[in-house]
Amino acid sequence: MFWEKNGLSKEEKDQFLESFRQERKLGGVLLGVTGANFAEGVDLPGDLLNGVVVVGLPLAKPDLKTKESIKYYDERFGKGWDYGYVYPAMNKCLQSAGRCIRSETDKGAIIFLDERFAWPNYFCCFPAEGLRVSKGYEVLLQEFFR
């Protein structure tokens, strides 16, 4: 298991990813944080990554910046909650999921593990193509990888 740690240097990140690449035949697991180094901007093409599980919603802290963003978007577009709170969180989730599928030849399963993803205000953010909602994920995964 490889888990992302805070404060890694560029060289440490490169070594971390190289160690992960070497484990692909044995079934290495990469644990990263949504919005951090290995959830965005990293390419793991081909068979390096065949699944992503996004656990929970990375909702912003209800601090002054978030509240002001919500207020601004509400005054400007009448959709403050969506633009200032929901969409940024969902964008981070979709960025994380994107580590799995980087080209038209990549194949992988993406699981969003939180019942809130099925709520209408979050669910509407997903692309409809290939989307399946189920509590029976084991069967779906077995079928997918068969």
C-alpha atoms as a PDB file:
ATOM      1  CA  MET A   1       0.000   0.000   0.000  1.00  0.00           C
ATOM      2  CA  PHE A   2       1.190   3.465  -0.916  1.00  0.00           C
ATOM      3  CA  TRP A   3      -0.358   6.415   0.869  1.00  0.00           C
ATOM      4  CA  GLU A   4       0.237  10.056   0.166  1.00  0.00           C
ATOM      5  CA  LYS A   5       2.081  11.945   2.850  1.00  0.00           C
ATOM      6  CA  ASN A   6       2.179  15.670   3.451  1.00  0.00           C
ATOM      7  CA  GLY A   7       5.210  17.711   2.437  1.00  0.00           C
ATOM      8  CA  LEU A   8       6.882  15.392  -0.090  1.00  0.00           C
ATOM      9  CA  SER A   9       9.583  16.995  -2.230  1.00  0.00           C
ATOM     10  CA  LYS A  10       9.517  16.646  -6.034  1.00  0.00           C
ATOM     11  CA  GLU A  11      12.137  13.898  -5.827  1.00  0.00           C
ATOM     12  CA  GLU A  12      10.188  12.055  -3.116  1.00  0.00           C
ATOM     13  CA  LYS A  13       6.993  12.251  -5.206  1.00  0.00           C
ATOM     14  CA  ASP A  14       8.832  10.861  -8.234  1.00  0.00           C
ATOM     15  CA  GLN A  15      10.282   8.018  -6.152  1.00  0.00           C
ATOM     16  CA  PHE A  16       6.873   7.342  -4.611  1.00  0.00           C
ATOM     17  CA  LEU A  17       5.270   6.986  -8.064  1.00  0.00           C
ATOM     18  CA  GLU A  18       8.145   4.842  -9.350  1.00  0.00           C
ATOM     19  CA  SER A  19       7.753   2.479  -6.385  1.00  0.00           C
ATOM     20  CA  PHE A  20       4.022   2.294  -7.089  1.00  0.00           C
ATOM     21  CA  ARG A  21       4.665   1.525 -10.779  1.00  0.00           C
ATOM     22  CA  GLN A  22       6.934  -1.369  -9.801  1.00  0.00           C
ATOM     23  CA  GLU A  23       4.144  -2.946  -7.738  1.00  0.00           C
ATOM     24  CA  ARG A  24       1.518  -3.047 -10.504  1.00  0.00           C
ATOM     25  CA  LYS A  25       1.921  -6.792 -11.129  1.00  0.00           C
ATOM     26  CA  LEU A  26       1.511  -7.511  -7.415  1.00  0.00           C
ATOM     27  CA  GLY A  27      -1.529  -5.276  -6.954  1.00  0.00           C
ATOM     28  CA  GLY A  28      -0.273  -2.104  -5.335  1.00  0.00           C
ATOM     29  CA  VAL A  29      -2.851   0.253  -3.852  1.00  0.00           C
ATOM     30  CA  LEU A  30      -2.348   4.017  -3.991  1.00  0.00           C
ATOM     31  CA  LEU A  31      -4.145   6.030  -1.316  1.00  0.00           C
ATOM     32  CA  GLY A  32      -4.327   9.737  -2.089  1.00  0.00           C
ATOM     33  CA  VAL A  33      -6.169  12.785  -0.899  1.00  0.00           C
ATOM     34  CA  THR A  34      -8.731  14.457  -3.160  1.00  0.00           C
ATOM     35  CA  GLY A  35      -7.335  17.755  -4.374  1.00  0.00           C
ATOM     36  CA  ALA A  36      -3.752  16.845  -3.450  1.00  0.00           C
ATOM     37  CA  ASN A  37      -0.661  15.704  -5.402  1.00  0.00           C
ATOM     38  CA  PHE A  38      -1.714  12.265  -6.638  1.00  0.00           C
ATOM     39  CA  ALA A  39      -5.390  13.020  -7.229  1.00  0.00           C
ATOM     40  CA  GLU A  40      -4.763  15.729  -9.826  1.00  0.00           C
ATOM     41  CA  GLY A  41      -2.193  16.227 -12.559  1.00  0.00           C
ATOM     42  CA  VAL A  42      -0.609  12.757 -12.389  1.00  0.00           C
ATOM     43  CA  ASP A  43      -0.706  10.375 -15.341  1.00  0.00           C
ATOM     44  CA  LEU A  44      -0.830   6.652 -14.642  1.00  0.00           C
ATOM     45  CA  PRO A  45      -1.581   5.338 -18.153  1.00  0.00           C
ATOM     46  CA  GLY A  46      -2.298   1.829 -19.374  1.00  0.00           C
ATOM     47  CA  ASP A  47      -2.548  -0.797 -16.664  1.00  0.00           C
ATOM     48  CA  LEU A  48      -0.896   1.277 -13.938  1.00  0.00           C
ATOM     49  CA  LEU A  49      -4.238   2.200 -12.418  1.00  0.00           C
ATOM     50  CA  ASN A  50      -7.369   0.169 -13.079  1.00  0.00           C
ATOM     51  CA  GLY A  51      -9.636   1.555 -10.409  1.00  0.00           C
ATOM     52  CA  VAL A  52     -10.350   4.644  -8.351  1.00  0.00           C
ATOM     53  CA  VAL A  53     -12.520   4.850  -5.270  1.00  0.00           C
ATOM     54  CA  VAL A  54     -13.506   8.357  -4.226  1.00  0.00           C
ATOM     55  CA  VAL A  55     -14.543   8.214  -0.583  1.00  0.00           C
ATOM     56  CA  GLY A  56     -16.685  11.103   0.563  1.00  0.00           C
ATOM     57  CA  LEU A  57     -17.192  14.623  -0.701  1.00  0.00           C
ATOM     58  CA  PRO A  58     -14.338  17.112  -0.302  1.00  0.00           C
ATOM     59  CA  LEU A  59     -16.665  19.916   0.730  1.00  0.00           C
ATOM     60  CA  ALA A  60     -15.028  23.225   1.611  1.00  0.00           C
ATOM     61  CA  LYS A  61     -14.847  24.309   5.208  1.00  0.00           C
ATOM     62  CA  PRO A  62     -17.626  26.750   6.026  1.00  0.00           C
ATOM     63  CA  ASP A  63     -15.040  29.493   6.548  1.00  0.00           C
ATOM     64  CA  LEU A  64     -15.212  33.157   5.536  1.00  0.00           C
ATOM     65  CA  LYS A  65     -13.806  32.513   2.034  1.00  0.00           C
ATOM     66  CA  THR A  66     -16.399  29.810   1.285  1.00  0.00           C
ATOM     67  CA  LYS A  67     -19.243  31.898   2.670  1.00  0.00           C
ATOM     68  CA  GLU A  68     -18.158  34.897   0.606  1.00  0.00           C
ATOM     69  CA  SER A  69     -17.888  32.770  -2.545  1.00  0.00           C
ATOM     70  CA  ILE A  70     -21.415  31.466  -1.981  1.00  0.00           C
ATOM     71  CA  LYS A  71     -22.656  35.004  -1.368  1.00  0.00           C
ATOM     72  CA  TYR A  72     -20.922  36.349  -4.503  1.00  0.00           C
ATOM     73  CA  TYR A  73     -22.284  33.633  -6.797  1.00  0.00           C
ATOM     74  CA  ASP A  74     -25.724  33.970  -5.265  1.00  0.00           C
ATOM     75  CA  GLU A  75     -25.806  37.729  -5.889  1.00  0.00           C
ATOM     76  CA  ARG A  76     -24.300  37.384  -9.371  1.00  0.00           C
ATOM     77  CA  PHE A  77     -26.065  34.277 -10.721  1.00  0.00           C
ATOM     78  CA  GLY A  78     -28.621  33.185  -8.121  1.00  0.00           C
ATOM     79  CA  LYS A  79     -26.759  29.877  -7.672  1.00  0.00           C
ATOM     80  CA  GLY A  80     -24.345  30.591  -4.848  1.00  0.00           C
ATOM     81  CA  TRP A  81     -24.601  27.213  -3.158  1.00  0.00           C
ATOM     82  CA  ASP A  82     -24.001  25.350  -6.424  1.00  0.00           C
ATOM     83  CA  TYR A  83     -21.152  27.492  -7.785  1.00  0.00           C
ATOM     84  CA  GLY A  84     -19.463  28.208  -4.466  1.00  0.00           C
ATOM     85  CA  TYR A  85     -19.860  24.873  -2.678  1.00  0.00           C
ATOM     86  CA  VAL A  86     -21.250  21.898  -4.645  1.00  0.00           C
ATOM     87  CA  TYR A  87     -19.452  22.299  -7.987  1.00  0.00           C
ATOM     88  CA  PRO A  88     -15.941  22.843  -6.559  1.00  0.00           C
ATOM     89  CA  ALA A  89     -16.300  19.660  -4.479  1.00  0.00           C
ATOM     90  CA  MET A  90     -17.599  17.658  -7.424  1.00  0.00           C
ATOM     91  CA  ASN A  91     -14.832  19.015  -9.652  1.00  0.00           C
ATOM     92  CA  LYS A  92     -12.253  17.645  -7.197  1.00  0.00           C
ATOM     93  CA  CYS A  93     -14.018  14.279  -7.209  1.00  0.00           C
ATOM     94  CA  LEU A  94     -14.069  14.126 -11.003  1.00  0.00           C
ATOM     95  CA  GLN A  95     -10.393  15.175 -11.152  1.00  0.00           C
ATOM     96  CA  SER A  96      -9.542  12.299  -8.820  1.00  0.00           C
ATOM     97  CA  ALA A  97     -11.582   9.875 -10.895  1.00  0.00           C
ATOM     98  CA  GLY A  98      -9.778  11.093 -14.006  1.00  0.00           C
ATOM     99  CA  ARG A  99      -6.516   9.504 -12.835  1.00  0.00           C
ATOM    100  CA  CYS A 100      -7.970   6.160 -13.923  1.00  0.00           C
ATOM    101  CA  ILE A 101      -9.040   6.963 -17.474  1.00  0.00           C
ATOM    102  CA  ARG A 102      -6.467   9.108 -19.296  1.00  0.00           C
ATOM    103  CA  SER A 103      -6.971   7.960 -22.892  1.00  0.00           C
ATOM    104  CA  GLU A 104      -9.529   6.203 -25.062  1.00  0.00           C
ATOM    105  CA  THR A 105      -7.667   2.907 -24.593  1.00  0.00           C
ATOM    106  CA  ASP A 106      -7.560   3.003 -20.771  1.00  0.00           C
ATOM    107  CA  LYS A 107     -10.034   0.835 -18.901  1.00  0.00           C
ATOM    108  CA  GLY A 108     -10.916   1.209 -15.258  1.00  0.00           C
ATOM    109  CA  ALA A 109     -13.669   1.213 -12.676  1.00  0.00           C
ATOM    110  CA  ILE A 110     -14.501   4.366 -10.781  1.00  0.00           C
ATOM    111  CA  ILE A 111     -16.492   4.117  -7.570  1.00  0.00           C
ATOM    112  CA  PHE A 112     -17.932   7.096  -5.720  1.00  0.00           C
ATOM    113  CA  LEU A 113     -18.421   5.816  -2.194  1.00  0.00           C
ATOM    114  CA  ASP A 114     -20.801   8.071  -0.315  1.00  0.00           C
ATOM    115  CA  GLU A 115     -24.579   8.002  -0.445  1.00  0.00           C
ATOM    116  CA  ARG A 116     -24.605  11.775  -0.982  1.00  0.00           C
ATOM    117  CA  PHE A 117     -23.314  11.198  -4.527  1.00  0.00           C
ATOM    118  CA  ALA A 118     -26.826   9.879  -5.309  1.00  0.00           C
ATOM    119  CA  TRP A 119     -28.486  13.060  -4.027  1.00  0.00           C
ATOM    120  CA  PRO A 120     -29.854  15.115  -6.954  1.00  0.00           C
ATOM    121  CA  ASN A 121     -27.668  18.194  -6.330  1.00  0.00           C
ATOM    122  CA  TYR A 122     -24.486  16.062  -6.620  1.00  0.00           C
ATOM    123  CA  PHE A 123     -25.728  13.356  -8.995  1.00  0.00           C
ATOM    124  CA  CYS A 124     -26.525  15.903 -11.716  1.00  0.00           C
ATOM    125  CA  CYS A 125     -22.791  16.704 -11.940  1.00  0.00           C
ATOM    126  CA  PHE A 126     -21.868  13.248 -13.260  1.00  0.00           C
ATOM    127  CA  PRO A 127     -21.661  12.436 -16.957  1.00  0.00           C
ATOM    128  CA  ALA A 128     -24.513  10.013 -17.712  1.00  0.00           C
ATOM    129  CA  GLU A 129     -22.490   7.717 -19.991  1.00  0.00           C
ATOM    130  CA  GLY A 130     -21.662   4.420 -18.281  1.00  0.00           C
ATOM    131  CA  LEU A 131     -22.978   5.571 -14.906  1.00  0.00           C
ATOM    132  CA  ARG A 132     -24.565   2.894 -12.714  1.00  0.00           C
ATOM    133  CA  VAL A 133     -25.839   3.339  -9.187  1.00  0.00           C
ATOM    134  CA  SER A 134     -25.864   0.214  -7.061  1.00  0.00           C
ATOM    135  CA  LYS A 135     -25.223  -1.190  -3.637  1.00  0.00           C
ATOM    136  CA  GLY A 136     -24.219  -4.451  -5.344  1.00  0.00           C
ATOM    137  CA  TYR A 137     -20.859  -3.175  -6.514  1.00  0.00           C
ATOM    138  CA  GLU A 138     -19.041  -6.517  -6.106  1.00  0.00           C
ATOM    139  CA  VAL A 139     -21.054  -8.124  -8.907  1.00  0.00           C
ATOM    140  CA  LEU A 140     -20.675  -5.065 -11.149  1.00  0.00           C
ATOM    141  CA  LEU A 141     -16.898  -5.012 -10.630  1.00  0.00           C
ATOM    142  CA  GLN A 142     -16.558  -8.721 -11.341  1.00  0.00           C
ATOM    143  CA  GLU A 143     -18.546  -8.315 -14.564  1.00  0.00           C
ATOM    144  CA  PHE A 144     -16.551  -5.236 -15.568  1.00  0.00           C
ATOM    145  CA  PHE A 145     -13.127  -6.824 -15.132  1.00  0.00           C
ATOM    146  CA  ARG A 146     -14.179 -10.147 -16.667  1.00  0.00           C
END
